[in-house]
Amino acid sequence: MATNAGGSGDRPASGTGDGRLHGATVRTVTSAELTALVGREVVLSAWIDVTQQAIDDFARVIGDPQWIHVDVERAARESPFRDGNGRGRTIAHGFLTLSLLSQLLETSLVISDRRAGINVGFNRIRFTAPVLAGSRIRGRFVLVELGLDGNDLKLTWDVTVEREGEEKPALIAQWLTRINR
């Protein structure tokens, strides 16, 4: 989680400069306002494109060049993962989808009085459906618990990563984060 700054209110998502974000409102709150949001959906993020280039780059970084992720031609012939036209497609690594949680949240929620945000871990993670290359995903974040540890806030999020045009989500998780104020 990166540091955010800003005033209160909502504004359109500015994007990351690469055209990958599509239509969202950025919600701005103070850490004190989070208490009233426990048990509620806090964020529905913008849609982001999961491109073949992002999948290829991720494969290089983590050293996982399995053909199901990076070989478009072979996937067209052999992949069990098919698009709506029945064509075989490459898929994103589950860990790529998981790693996008920070971007999905950061581009949709600003906590104006925080100095830093830290990933703490997960209570559970399930990869429930593949993310096809070229598709779009977004995150739905429900704040289920908020606690104090000194001046830091401990947040527990129920997260669902939705796939555009599909009923079954790509990922469900319970994510633990910390805000340093």
C-alpha atoms as a PDB file:
ATOM      1  CA  MET A   1       0.000   0.000   0.000  1.00  0.00           C
ATOM      2  CA  ALA A   2       1.398   3.381  -0.948  1.00  0.00           C
ATOM      3  CA  THR A   3       0.950   6.603   0.955  1.00  0.00           C
ATOM      4  CA  ASN A   4      -2.030   8.727  -0.057  1.00  0.00           C
ATOM      5  CA  ALA A   5      -2.669  12.378   0.575  1.00  0.00           C
ATOM      6  CA  GLY A   6      -5.704  14.472  -0.138  1.00  0.00           C
ATOM      7  CA  GLY A   7      -8.785  16.139   1.246  1.00  0.00           C
ATOM      8  CA  SER A   8     -12.127  14.611   2.088  1.00  0.00           C
ATOM      9  CA  GLY A   9     -14.736  13.885  -0.552  1.00  0.00           C
ATOM     10  CA  ASP A  10     -14.961  11.788  -3.676  1.00  0.00           C
ATOM     11  CA  ARG A  11     -13.360  12.396  -7.076  1.00  0.00           C
ATOM     12  CA  PRO A  12     -12.971  10.493 -10.348  1.00  0.00           C
ATOM     13  CA  ALA A  13     -10.053   8.074 -10.494  1.00  0.00           C
ATOM     14  CA  SER A  14      -7.114   9.711 -12.205  1.00  0.00           C
ATOM     15  CA  GLY A  15      -5.643   6.461 -13.429  1.00  0.00           C
ATOM     16  CA  THR A  16      -2.091   5.235 -13.550  1.00  0.00           C
ATOM     17  CA  GLY A  17      -1.196   6.889 -16.844  1.00  0.00           C
ATOM     18  CA  ASP A  18      -1.209   3.682 -18.829  1.00  0.00           C
ATOM     19  CA  GLY A  19      -4.914   3.601 -19.687  1.00  0.00           C
ATOM     20  CA  ARG A  20      -5.589   0.548 -17.557  1.00  0.00           C
ATOM     21  CA  LEU A  21      -8.161   2.087 -15.182  1.00  0.00           C
ATOM     22  CA  HIS A  22     -11.755   2.446 -16.272  1.00  0.00           C
ATOM     23  CA  GLY A  23     -14.434   4.474 -14.501  1.00  0.00           C
ATOM     24  CA  ALA A  24     -14.364   4.727 -10.739  1.00  0.00           C
ATOM     25  CA  THR A  25     -14.822   7.229  -8.021  1.00  0.00           C
ATOM     26  CA  VAL A  26     -12.044   7.726  -5.505  1.00  0.00           C
ATOM     27  CA  ARG A  27     -13.396   7.843  -1.986  1.00  0.00           C
ATOM     28  CA  THR A  28     -11.537  10.053   0.478  1.00  0.00           C
ATOM     29  CA  VAL A  29     -11.944   9.562   4.234  1.00  0.00           C
ATOM     30  CA  THR A  30     -10.039  10.215   7.420  1.00  0.00           C
ATOM     31  CA  SER A  31      -8.966   7.333   9.616  1.00  0.00           C
ATOM     32  CA  ALA A  32     -11.555   8.436  12.201  1.00  0.00           C
ATOM     33  CA  GLU A  33     -14.306   8.087   9.583  1.00  0.00           C
ATOM     34  CA  LEU A  34     -13.394   4.427   9.013  1.00  0.00           C
ATOM     35  CA  THR A  35     -15.139   3.413  12.264  1.00  0.00           C
ATOM     36  CA  ALA A  36     -18.539   4.200  10.756  1.00  0.00           C
ATOM     37  CA  LEU A  37     -17.688   2.048   7.721  1.00  0.00           C
ATOM     38  CA  VAL A  38     -17.061  -1.247   9.546  1.00  0.00           C
ATOM     39  CA  GLY A  39     -19.380  -3.910   8.163  1.00  0.00           C
ATOM     40  CA  ARG A  40     -20.024  -1.955   4.980  1.00  0.00           C
ATOM     41  CA  GLU A  41     -18.703  -1.988   1.456  1.00  0.00           C
ATOM     42  CA  VAL A  42     -16.170   0.816   1.437  1.00  0.00           C
ATOM     43  CA  VAL A  43     -14.822   0.552  -2.094  1.00  0.00           C
ATOM     44  CA  LEU A  44     -15.870  -0.743  -5.481  1.00  0.00           C
ATOM     45  CA  SER A  45     -12.752  -0.086  -7.538  1.00  0.00           C
ATOM     46  CA  ALA A  46     -12.299   0.916 -11.131  1.00  0.00           C
ATOM     47  CA  TRP A  47     -11.982  -1.817 -13.727  1.00  0.00           C
ATOM     48  CA  ILE A  48      -8.407  -2.550 -14.712  1.00  0.00           C
ATOM     49  CA  ASP A  49      -7.180  -4.358 -17.800  1.00  0.00           C
ATOM     50  CA  VAL A  50      -5.173  -7.522 -17.276  1.00  0.00           C
ATOM     51  CA  THR A  51      -3.035  -7.435 -20.399  1.00  0.00           C
ATOM     52  CA  GLN A  52      -0.856 -10.128 -21.904  1.00  0.00           C
ATOM     53  CA  GLN A  53       2.082  -7.753 -21.427  1.00  0.00           C
ATOM     54  CA  ALA A  54       1.377  -7.541 -17.668  1.00  0.00           C
ATOM     55  CA  ILE A  55       1.148 -11.344 -17.499  1.00  0.00           C
ATOM     56  CA  ASP A  56       4.422 -11.744 -19.429  1.00  0.00           C
ATOM     57  CA  ASP A  57       6.165  -9.174 -17.215  1.00  0.00           C
ATOM     58  CA  PHE A  58       4.915 -10.881 -14.056  1.00  0.00           C
ATOM     59  CA  ALA A  59       6.069 -14.280 -15.364  1.00  0.00           C
ATOM     60  CA  ARG A  60       9.569 -12.873 -15.924  1.00  0.00           C
ATOM     61  CA  VAL A  61       9.732 -11.295 -12.478  1.00  0.00           C
ATOM     62  CA  ILE A  62       8.678 -14.416 -10.589  1.00  0.00           C
ATOM     63  CA  GLY A  63      10.343 -16.947 -12.909  1.00  0.00           C
ATOM     64  CA  ASP A  64       7.133 -18.765 -13.906  1.00  0.00           C
ATOM     65  CA  PRO A  65       6.989 -18.894 -17.722  1.00  0.00           C
ATOM     66  CA  GLN A  66       4.431 -21.735 -17.821  1.00  0.00           C
ATOM     67  CA  TRP A  67       2.827 -21.840 -21.288  1.00  0.00           C
ATOM     68  CA  ILE A  68      -0.700 -21.410 -19.904  1.00  0.00           C
ATOM     69  CA  HIS A  69       0.353 -17.864 -18.988  1.00  0.00           C
ATOM     70  CA  VAL A  70       2.776 -16.756 -21.717  1.00  0.00           C
ATOM     71  CA  ASP A  71       2.334 -18.810 -24.902  1.00  0.00           C
ATOM     72  CA  VAL A  72      -0.627 -17.233 -26.703  1.00  0.00           C
ATOM     73  CA  GLU A  73      -0.408 -19.515 -29.750  1.00  0.00           C
ATOM     74  CA  ARG A  74      -0.254 -22.732 -27.737  1.00  0.00           C
ATOM     75  CA  ALA A  75      -3.032 -21.522 -25.450  1.00  0.00           C
ATOM     76  CA  ALA A  76      -5.228 -20.879 -28.508  1.00  0.00           C
ATOM     77  CA  ARG A  77      -4.856 -24.572 -29.383  1.00  0.00           C
ATOM     78  CA  GLU A  78      -4.573 -26.331 -26.031  1.00  0.00           C
ATOM     79  CA  SER A  79      -5.803 -24.167 -23.175  1.00  0.00           C
ATOM     80  CA  PRO A  80      -8.786 -25.470 -21.225  1.00  0.00           C
ATOM     81  CA  PHE A  81      -9.572 -21.797 -20.463  1.00  0.00           C
ATOM     82  CA  ARG A  82     -11.802 -20.413 -23.220  1.00  0.00           C
ATOM     83  CA  ASP A  83     -13.347 -17.059 -23.976  1.00  0.00           C
ATOM     84  CA  GLY A  84     -16.985 -16.502 -24.970  1.00  0.00           C
ATOM     85  CA  ASN A  85     -16.127 -17.472 -28.564  1.00  0.00           C
ATOM     86  CA  GLY A  86     -14.615 -20.794 -27.540  1.00  0.00           C
ATOM     87  CA  ARG A  87     -11.009 -19.720 -28.207  1.00  0.00           C
ATOM     88  CA  GLY A  88      -8.301 -20.955 -25.870  1.00  0.00           C
ATOM     89  CA  ARG A  89      -6.661 -18.119 -23.956  1.00  0.00           C
ATOM     90  CA  THR A  90      -3.743 -17.519 -21.662  1.00  0.00           C
ATOM     91  CA  ILE A  91      -4.565 -16.712 -18.052  1.00  0.00           C
ATOM     92  CA  ALA A  92      -3.073 -14.463 -15.411  1.00  0.00           C
ATOM     93  CA  HIS A  93      -1.147 -16.056 -12.589  1.00  0.00           C
ATOM     94  CA  GLY A  94      -3.280 -16.244  -9.464  1.00  0.00           C
ATOM     95  CA  PHE A  95      -0.545 -14.350  -7.651  1.00  0.00           C
ATOM     96  CA  LEU A  96      -0.696 -11.578 -10.263  1.00  0.00           C
ATOM     97  CA  THR A  97      -4.402 -11.171  -9.527  1.00  0.00           C
ATOM     98  CA  LEU A  98      -3.608 -11.161  -5.810  1.00  0.00           C
ATOM     99  CA  SER A  99      -0.835  -8.593  -6.257  1.00  0.00           C
ATOM    100  CA  LEU A 100      -3.287  -6.232  -7.976  1.00  0.00           C
ATOM    101  CA  LEU A 101      -5.277  -5.821  -4.738  1.00  0.00           C
ATOM    102  CA  SER A 102      -3.050  -2.928  -3.682  1.00  0.00           C
ATOM    103  CA  GLN A 103      -3.636  -1.106  -6.972  1.00  0.00           C
ATOM    104  CA  LEU A 104      -7.374  -1.785  -6.866  1.00  0.00           C
ATOM    105  CA  LEU A 105      -7.653  -0.333  -3.355  1.00  0.00           C
ATOM    106  CA  GLU A 106      -5.107   2.472  -3.720  1.00  0.00           C
ATOM    107  CA  THR A 107      -6.735   3.888  -6.837  1.00  0.00           C
ATOM    108  CA  SER A 108     -10.139   3.910  -5.141  1.00  0.00           C
ATOM    109  CA  LEU A 109      -9.611   4.890  -1.500  1.00  0.00           C
ATOM    110  CA  VAL A 110      -7.603   7.736   0.006  1.00  0.00           C
ATOM    111  CA  ILE A 111      -7.188   7.855   3.775  1.00  0.00           C
ATOM    112  CA  SER A 112      -6.161  11.468   4.046  1.00  0.00           C
ATOM    113  CA  ASP A 113      -4.406  11.386   7.418  1.00  0.00           C
ATOM    114  CA  ARG A 114      -2.293   8.292   7.003  1.00  0.00           C
ATOM    115  CA  ARG A 115       1.466   8.342   6.638  1.00  0.00           C
ATOM    116  CA  ALA A 116       1.868   4.816   5.304  1.00  0.00           C
ATOM    117  CA  GLY A 117      -0.103   1.679   4.572  1.00  0.00           C
ATOM    118  CA  ILE A 118       1.330  -1.784   5.129  1.00  0.00           C
ATOM    119  CA  ASN A 119       0.268  -5.224   3.949  1.00  0.00           C
ATOM    120  CA  VAL A 120       0.161  -7.542   6.959  1.00  0.00           C
ATOM    121  CA  GLY A 121      -1.105 -10.758   5.379  1.00  0.00           C
ATOM    122  CA  PHE A 122      -4.200 -12.797   4.714  1.00  0.00           C
ATOM    123  CA  ASN A 123      -6.505 -14.949   6.801  1.00  0.00           C
ATOM    124  CA  ARG A 124      -7.662 -16.727   3.647  1.00  0.00           C
ATOM    125  CA  ILE A 125      -7.200 -16.602  -0.108  1.00  0.00           C
ATOM    126  CA  ARG A 126      -9.111 -18.556  -2.744  1.00  0.00           C
ATOM    127  CA  PHE A 127      -8.540 -18.373  -6.487  1.00  0.00           C
ATOM    128  CA  THR A 128     -12.056 -19.195  -7.661  1.00  0.00           C
ATOM    129  CA  ALA A 129     -11.885 -18.617 -11.438  1.00  0.00           C
ATOM    130  CA  PRO A 130      -9.228 -17.770 -14.043  1.00  0.00           C
ATOM    131  CA  VAL A 131      -8.570 -14.261 -15.318  1.00  0.00           C
ATOM    132  CA  LEU A 132      -8.170 -14.451 -19.100  1.00  0.00           C
ATOM    133  CA  ALA A 133      -5.556 -12.244 -20.747  1.00  0.00           C
ATOM    134  CA  GLY A 134      -7.216  -9.116 -22.084  1.00  0.00           C
ATOM    135  CA  SER A 135     -10.067  -9.187 -19.584  1.00  0.00           C
ATOM    136  CA  ARG A 136     -10.909  -6.656 -16.896  1.00  0.00           C
ATOM    137  CA  ILE A 137     -11.183  -7.034 -13.143  1.00  0.00           C
ATOM    138  CA  ARG A 138     -12.244  -4.837 -10.243  1.00  0.00           C
ATOM    139  CA  GLY A 139     -12.174  -5.148  -6.477  1.00  0.00           C
ATOM    140  CA  ARG A 140     -15.009  -5.006  -3.980  1.00  0.00           C
ATOM    141  CA  PHE A 141     -13.732  -4.187  -0.464  1.00  0.00           C
ATOM    142  CA  VAL A 142     -15.783  -4.611   2.711  1.00  0.00           C
ATOM    143  CA  LEU A 143     -14.193  -3.391   5.949  1.00  0.00           C
ATOM    144  CA  VAL A 144     -15.019  -6.168   8.441  1.00  0.00           C
ATOM    145  CA  GLU A 145     -12.860  -5.172  11.390  1.00  0.00           C
ATOM    146  CA  LEU A 146     -10.966  -2.129  12.603  1.00  0.00           C
ATOM    147  CA  GLY A 147      -8.640  -2.132  15.591  1.00  0.00           C
ATOM    148  CA  LEU A 148      -6.036   0.057  17.259  1.00  0.00           C
ATOM    149  CA  ASP A 149      -2.425  -0.795  18.011  1.00  0.00           C
ATOM    150  CA  GLY A 150      -0.860   2.301  19.520  1.00  0.00           C
ATOM    151  CA  ASN A 151      -1.316   5.006  16.892  1.00  0.00           C
ATOM    152  CA  ASP A 152      -1.699   2.458  14.088  1.00  0.00           C
ATOM    153  CA  LEU A 153      -4.995   1.130  12.751  1.00  0.00           C
ATOM    154  CA  LYS A 154      -5.393  -2.563  11.953  1.00  0.00           C
ATOM    155  CA  LEU A 155      -7.900  -3.218   9.161  1.00  0.00           C
ATOM    156  CA  THR A 156      -9.450  -6.494   8.038  1.00  0.00           C
ATOM    157  CA  TRP A 157     -10.991  -6.468   4.559  1.00  0.00           C
ATOM    158  CA  ASP A 158     -13.225  -9.011   2.846  1.00  0.00           C
ATOM    159  CA  VAL A 159     -12.184  -8.692  -0.779  1.00  0.00           C
ATOM    160  CA  THR A 160     -13.807 -10.027  -3.922  1.00  0.00           C
ATOM    161  CA  VAL A 161     -12.102  -9.602  -7.288  1.00  0.00           C
ATOM    162  CA  GLU A 162     -14.788  -9.597  -9.961  1.00  0.00           C
ATOM    163  CA  ARG A 163     -14.307 -10.448 -13.636  1.00  0.00           C
ATOM    164  CA  GLU A 164     -16.185  -8.219 -16.049  1.00  0.00           C
ATOM    165  CA  GLY A 165     -19.136 -10.021 -17.631  1.00  0.00           C
ATOM    166  CA  GLU A 166     -18.762 -13.093 -15.398  1.00  0.00           C
ATOM    167  CA  GLU A 167     -20.781 -14.164 -12.371  1.00  0.00           C
ATOM    168  CA  LYS A 168     -18.037 -16.113 -10.633  1.00  0.00           C
ATOM    169  CA  PRO A 169     -15.306 -13.964  -9.087  1.00  0.00           C
ATOM    170  CA  ALA A 170     -11.613 -14.548  -9.754  1.00  0.00           C
ATOM    171  CA  LEU A 171     -10.568 -14.311  -6.136  1.00  0.00           C
ATOM    172  CA  ILE A 172     -11.974 -14.028  -2.645  1.00  0.00           C
ATOM    173  CA  ALA A 173      -9.780 -13.181   0.305  1.00  0.00           C
ATOM    174  CA  GLN A 174      -9.625 -11.756   3.775  1.00  0.00           C
ATOM    175  CA  TRP A 175      -6.806  -9.204   3.705  1.00  0.00           C
ATOM    176  CA  LEU A 176      -5.073  -7.685   6.724  1.00  0.00           C
ATOM    177  CA  THR A 177      -3.593  -4.197   6.430  1.00  0.00           C
ATOM    178  CA  ARG A 178      -2.202  -1.612   8.779  1.00  0.00           C
ATOM    179  CA  ILE A 179      -2.325   2.177   8.610  1.00  0.00           C
ATOM    180  CA  ASN A 180       0.387   4.251  10.209  1.00  0.00           C
ATOM    181  CA  ARG A 181      -0.966   7.681  11.222  1.00  0.00           C
END
